[in-house]
Amino acid sequence: MDVIIQSLGFKHSSELEGYIQKKLEKLKPSDRIIRANVVLFQGPDRNTPEDYCEIRLEVPGPDLFVKEHGLSFEQSVDSCVDVLARQLKKAHEKQVDHTQRNNPNDILTDQLLSSEDDNEEGGSLNAQ
């Protein structure tokens, strides 16, 4: 996975860069992540300690994007990675469900169930 880190308005440290790399490595390689674009910036008011992190994961299909804030960049990166892990899991489950749904046996089962429903509806109309 290719990781691009940008820091707006300040120079990020190599420790922070290593921390981000380590956290992003926890995402599963089976998720087919092509690239991670990480943008770090501080809040609009320098007096309040709000550090923001945006991560855009480029994956096959629509990209996944998350923006979180915290008291430090480490906290905001942790929050982003947690949300992205949930998004990846949900996208994977949706993809697995979709591929299983296209199984010919499932289509035949759906057709049989719908024909049974039609027969039940037809039978109830005749009984009235």
C-alpha atoms as a PDB file:
ATOM      1  CA  MET A   1       0.000   0.000   0.000  1.00  0.00           C
ATOM      2  CA  ASP A   2       1.281   3.418  -0.968  1.00  0.00           C
ATOM      3  CA  VAL A   3       0.938   6.070   1.773  1.00  0.00           C
ATOM      4  CA  ILE A   4       1.059   9.797   1.039  1.00  0.00           C
ATOM      5  CA  ILE A   5       1.208  12.073   4.086  1.00  0.00           C
ATOM      6  CA  GLN A   6       0.628  15.825   3.848  1.00  0.00           C
ATOM      7  CA  SER A   7       0.789  18.252   6.723  1.00  0.00           C
ATOM      8  CA  LEU A   8      -0.773  21.650   6.183  1.00  0.00           C
ATOM      9  CA  GLY A   9       0.706  24.605   8.048  1.00  0.00           C
ATOM     10  CA  PHE A  10       3.440  22.674   9.863  1.00  0.00           C
ATOM     11  CA  LYS A  11       6.209  20.148   9.311  1.00  0.00           C
ATOM     12  CA  HIS A  12       5.346  16.676  10.597  1.00  0.00           C
ATOM     13  CA  SER A  13       7.940  14.625  12.438  1.00  0.00           C
ATOM     14  CA  SER A  14       9.361  11.311  11.334  1.00  0.00           C
ATOM     15  CA  GLU A  15       7.907   9.751  14.520  1.00  0.00           C
ATOM     16  CA  LEU A  16       4.412  10.848  13.495  1.00  0.00           C
ATOM     17  CA  GLU A  17       4.985   9.497   9.992  1.00  0.00           C
ATOM     18  CA  GLY A  18       6.104   6.142  11.428  1.00  0.00           C
ATOM     19  CA  TYR A  19       3.087   6.079  13.729  1.00  0.00           C
ATOM     20  CA  ILE A  20       0.721   6.645  10.792  1.00  0.00           C
ATOM     21  CA  GLN A  21       2.448   3.944   8.732  1.00  0.00           C
ATOM     22  CA  LYS A  22       2.188   1.488  11.646  1.00  0.00           C
ATOM     23  CA  LYS A  23      -1.515   2.197  12.177  1.00  0.00           C
ATOM     24  CA  LEU A  24      -2.365   1.886   8.481  1.00  0.00           C
ATOM     25  CA  GLU A  25      -0.546  -1.458   8.294  1.00  0.00           C
ATOM     26  CA  LYS A  26      -3.171  -2.851  10.689  1.00  0.00           C
ATOM     27  CA  LEU A  27      -5.751  -2.628   7.909  1.00  0.00           C
ATOM     28  CA  LYS A  28      -6.037  -5.990   6.202  1.00  0.00           C
ATOM     29  CA  PRO A  29      -4.118  -6.486   2.942  1.00  0.00           C
ATOM     30  CA  SER A  30      -7.078  -8.489   1.646  1.00  0.00           C
ATOM     31  CA  ASP A  31      -9.023  -5.213   1.499  1.00  0.00           C
ATOM     32  CA  ARG A  32      -7.129  -4.397  -1.721  1.00  0.00           C
ATOM     33  CA  ILE A  33      -6.072  -0.917  -0.647  1.00  0.00           C
ATOM     34  CA  ILE A  34      -4.192   0.828  -3.428  1.00  0.00           C
ATOM     35  CA  ARG A  35      -3.231   4.070  -1.739  1.00  0.00           C
ATOM     36  CA  ALA A  36      -3.844   6.011   1.451  1.00  0.00           C
ATOM     37  CA  ASN A  37      -3.826   9.814   1.299  1.00  0.00           C
ATOM     38  CA  VAL A  38      -3.382  11.276   4.775  1.00  0.00           C
ATOM     39  CA  VAL A  39      -3.821  15.006   5.420  1.00  0.00           C
ATOM     40  CA  LEU A  40      -2.956  16.465   8.820  1.00  0.00           C
ATOM     41  CA  PHE A  41      -3.866  19.989   9.873  1.00  0.00           C
ATOM     42  CA  GLN A  42      -4.536  22.005  12.969  1.00  0.00           C
ATOM     43  CA  GLY A  43      -7.866  23.580  13.843  1.00  0.00           C
ATOM     44  CA  PRO A  44      -8.863  27.027  12.627  1.00  0.00           C
ATOM     45  CA  ASP A  45      -8.150  28.572  16.030  1.00  0.00           C
ATOM     46  CA  ARG A  46      -4.616  27.850  17.245  1.00  0.00           C
ATOM     47  CA  ASN A  47      -5.713  28.500  20.854  1.00  0.00           C
ATOM     48  CA  THR A  48      -7.914  25.394  20.954  1.00  0.00           C
ATOM     49  CA  PRO A  49      -6.000  22.108  20.764  1.00  0.00           C
ATOM     50  CA  GLU A  50      -7.869  20.504  17.884  1.00  0.00           C
ATOM     51  CA  ASP A  51      -5.765  18.436  15.478  1.00  0.00           C
ATOM     52  CA  TYR A  52      -7.476  17.032  12.400  1.00  0.00           C
ATOM     53  CA  CYS A  53      -6.711  14.002  10.290  1.00  0.00           C
ATOM     54  CA  GLU A  54      -8.289  13.128   6.948  1.00  0.00           C
ATOM     55  CA  ILE A  55      -7.650   9.779   5.309  1.00  0.00           C
ATOM     56  CA  ARG A  56      -8.821   8.797   1.848  1.00  0.00           C
ATOM     57  CA  LEU A  57      -8.356   5.137   0.980  1.00  0.00           C
ATOM     58  CA  GLU A  58      -8.246   4.373  -2.702  1.00  0.00           C
ATOM     59  CA  VAL A  59      -9.810   0.951  -3.162  1.00  0.00           C
ATOM     60  CA  PRO A  60     -11.553  -0.702  -6.108  1.00  0.00           C
ATOM     61  CA  GLY A  61     -14.948   0.965  -6.342  1.00  0.00           C
ATOM     62  CA  PRO A  62     -15.757   4.120  -4.439  1.00  0.00           C
ATOM     63  CA  ASP A  63     -12.967   5.554  -2.272  1.00  0.00           C
ATOM     64  CA  LEU A  64     -13.394   5.533   1.485  1.00  0.00           C
ATOM     65  CA  PHE A  65     -12.988   8.874   3.264  1.00  0.00           C
ATOM     66  CA  VAL A  66     -12.955   9.824   6.920  1.00  0.00           C
ATOM     67  CA  LYS A  67     -12.168  13.027   8.816  1.00  0.00           C
ATOM     68  CA  GLU A  68     -11.663  13.009  12.581  1.00  0.00           C
ATOM     69  CA  HIS A  69     -10.252  15.370  15.186  1.00  0.00           C
ATOM     70  CA  GLY A  70      -8.678  14.949  18.587  1.00  0.00           C
ATOM     71  CA  LEU A  71      -6.415  16.533  21.147  1.00  0.00           C
ATOM     72  CA  SER A  72      -3.368  15.180  19.307  1.00  0.00           C
ATOM     73  CA  PHE A  73      -2.617  13.918  15.838  1.00  0.00           C
ATOM     74  CA  GLU A  74      -2.125  10.420  17.241  1.00  0.00           C
ATOM     75  CA  GLN A  75      -5.662  10.380  18.655  1.00  0.00           C
ATOM     76  CA  SER A  76      -7.159  11.663  15.417  1.00  0.00           C
ATOM     77  CA  VAL A  77      -5.203   9.066  13.387  1.00  0.00           C
ATOM     78  CA  ASP A  78      -6.434   6.306  15.745  1.00  0.00           C
ATOM     79  CA  SER A  79     -10.039   7.452  15.312  1.00  0.00           C
ATOM     80  CA  CYS A  80      -9.681   7.573  11.531  1.00  0.00           C
ATOM     81  CA  VAL A  81      -8.165   4.091  11.305  1.00  0.00           C
ATOM     82  CA  ASP A  82     -10.905   2.646  13.545  1.00  0.00           C
ATOM     83  CA  VAL A  83     -13.644   4.172  11.377  1.00  0.00           C
ATOM     84  CA  LEU A  84     -11.924   3.015   8.180  1.00  0.00           C
ATOM     85  CA  ALA A  85     -11.614  -0.526   9.525  1.00  0.00           C
ATOM     86  CA  ARG A  86     -15.387  -0.566  10.135  1.00  0.00           C
ATOM     87  CA  GLN A  87     -16.058   0.878   6.674  1.00  0.00           C
ATOM     88  CA  LEU A  88     -13.817  -1.727   5.039  1.00  0.00           C
ATOM     89  CA  LYS A  89     -15.500  -4.534   6.976  1.00  0.00           C
ATOM     90  CA  LYS A  90     -18.941  -3.277   5.975  1.00  0.00           C
ATOM     91  CA  ALA A  91     -17.913  -2.906   2.317  1.00  0.00           C
ATOM     92  CA  HIS A  92     -16.421  -6.410   2.345  1.00  0.00           C
ATOM     93  CA  GLU A  93     -19.572  -7.913   3.880  1.00  0.00           C
ATOM     94  CA  LYS A  94     -21.683  -6.117   1.305  1.00  0.00           C
ATOM     95  CA  GLN A  95     -19.480  -7.423  -1.507  1.00  0.00           C
ATOM     96  CA  VAL A  96     -19.571 -10.991  -0.157  1.00  0.00           C
ATOM     97  CA  ASP A  97     -23.352 -10.811   0.219  1.00  0.00           C
ATOM     98  CA  HIS A  98     -23.675  -9.515  -3.331  1.00  0.00           C
ATOM     99  CA  THR A  99     -21.482 -12.257  -4.807  1.00  0.00           C
ATOM    100  CA  GLN A 100     -23.329 -14.940  -2.865  1.00  0.00           C
ATOM    101  CA  ARG A 101     -26.611 -13.432  -4.014  1.00  0.00           C
ATOM    102  CA  ASN A 102     -25.599 -13.977  -7.627  1.00  0.00           C
ATOM    103  CA  ASN A 103     -25.217 -17.693  -7.030  1.00  0.00           C
ATOM    104  CA  PRO A 104     -27.491 -19.520  -9.556  1.00  0.00           C
ATOM    105  CA  ASN A 105     -28.919 -21.685  -6.762  1.00  0.00           C
ATOM    106  CA  ASP A 106     -30.026 -18.564  -4.887  1.00  0.00           C
ATOM    107  CA  ILE A 107     -31.755 -17.195  -7.991  1.00  0.00           C
ATOM    108  CA  LEU A 108     -33.582 -20.493  -8.456  1.00  0.00           C
ATOM    109  CA  THR A 109     -34.550 -20.480  -4.770  1.00  0.00           C
ATOM    110  CA  ASP A 110     -35.825 -16.912  -5.093  1.00  0.00           C
ATOM    111  CA  GLN A 111     -37.900 -17.905  -8.127  1.00  0.00           C
ATOM    112  CA  LEU A 112     -39.367 -20.882  -6.289  1.00  0.00           C
ATOM    113  CA  LEU A 113     -40.182 -18.768  -3.239  1.00  0.00           C
ATOM    114  CA  SER A 114     -41.809 -16.070  -5.344  1.00  0.00           C
ATOM    115  CA  SER A 115     -43.908 -18.662  -7.210  1.00  0.00           C
ATOM    116  CA  GLU A 116     -45.016 -20.110  -3.870  1.00  0.00           C
ATOM    117  CA  ASP A 117     -45.999 -16.613  -2.706  1.00  0.00           C
ATOM    118  CA  ASP A 118     -47.982 -16.109  -5.926  1.00  0.00           C
ATOM    119  CA  ASN A 119     -49.777 -19.407  -5.397  1.00  0.00           C
ATOM    120  CA  GLU A 120     -50.650 -18.469  -1.809  1.00  0.00           C
ATOM    121  CA  GLU A 121     -51.987 -15.092  -2.894  1.00  0.00           C
ATOM    122  CA  GLY A 122     -53.985 -16.682  -5.676  1.00  0.00           C
ATOM    123  CA  GLY A 123     -55.404 -19.288  -3.308  1.00  0.00           C
ATOM    124  CA  SER A 124     -56.479 -16.678  -0.802  1.00  0.00           C
ATOM    125  CA  LEU A 125     -58.251 -14.661  -3.503  1.00  0.00           C
ATOM    126  CA  ASN A 126     -60.198 -17.705  -4.670  1.00  0.00           C
ATOM    127  CA  ALA A 127     -61.237 -18.567  -1.127  1.00  0.00           C
ATOM    128  CA  GLN A 128     -62.935 -15.193  -0.621  1.00  0.00           C
END
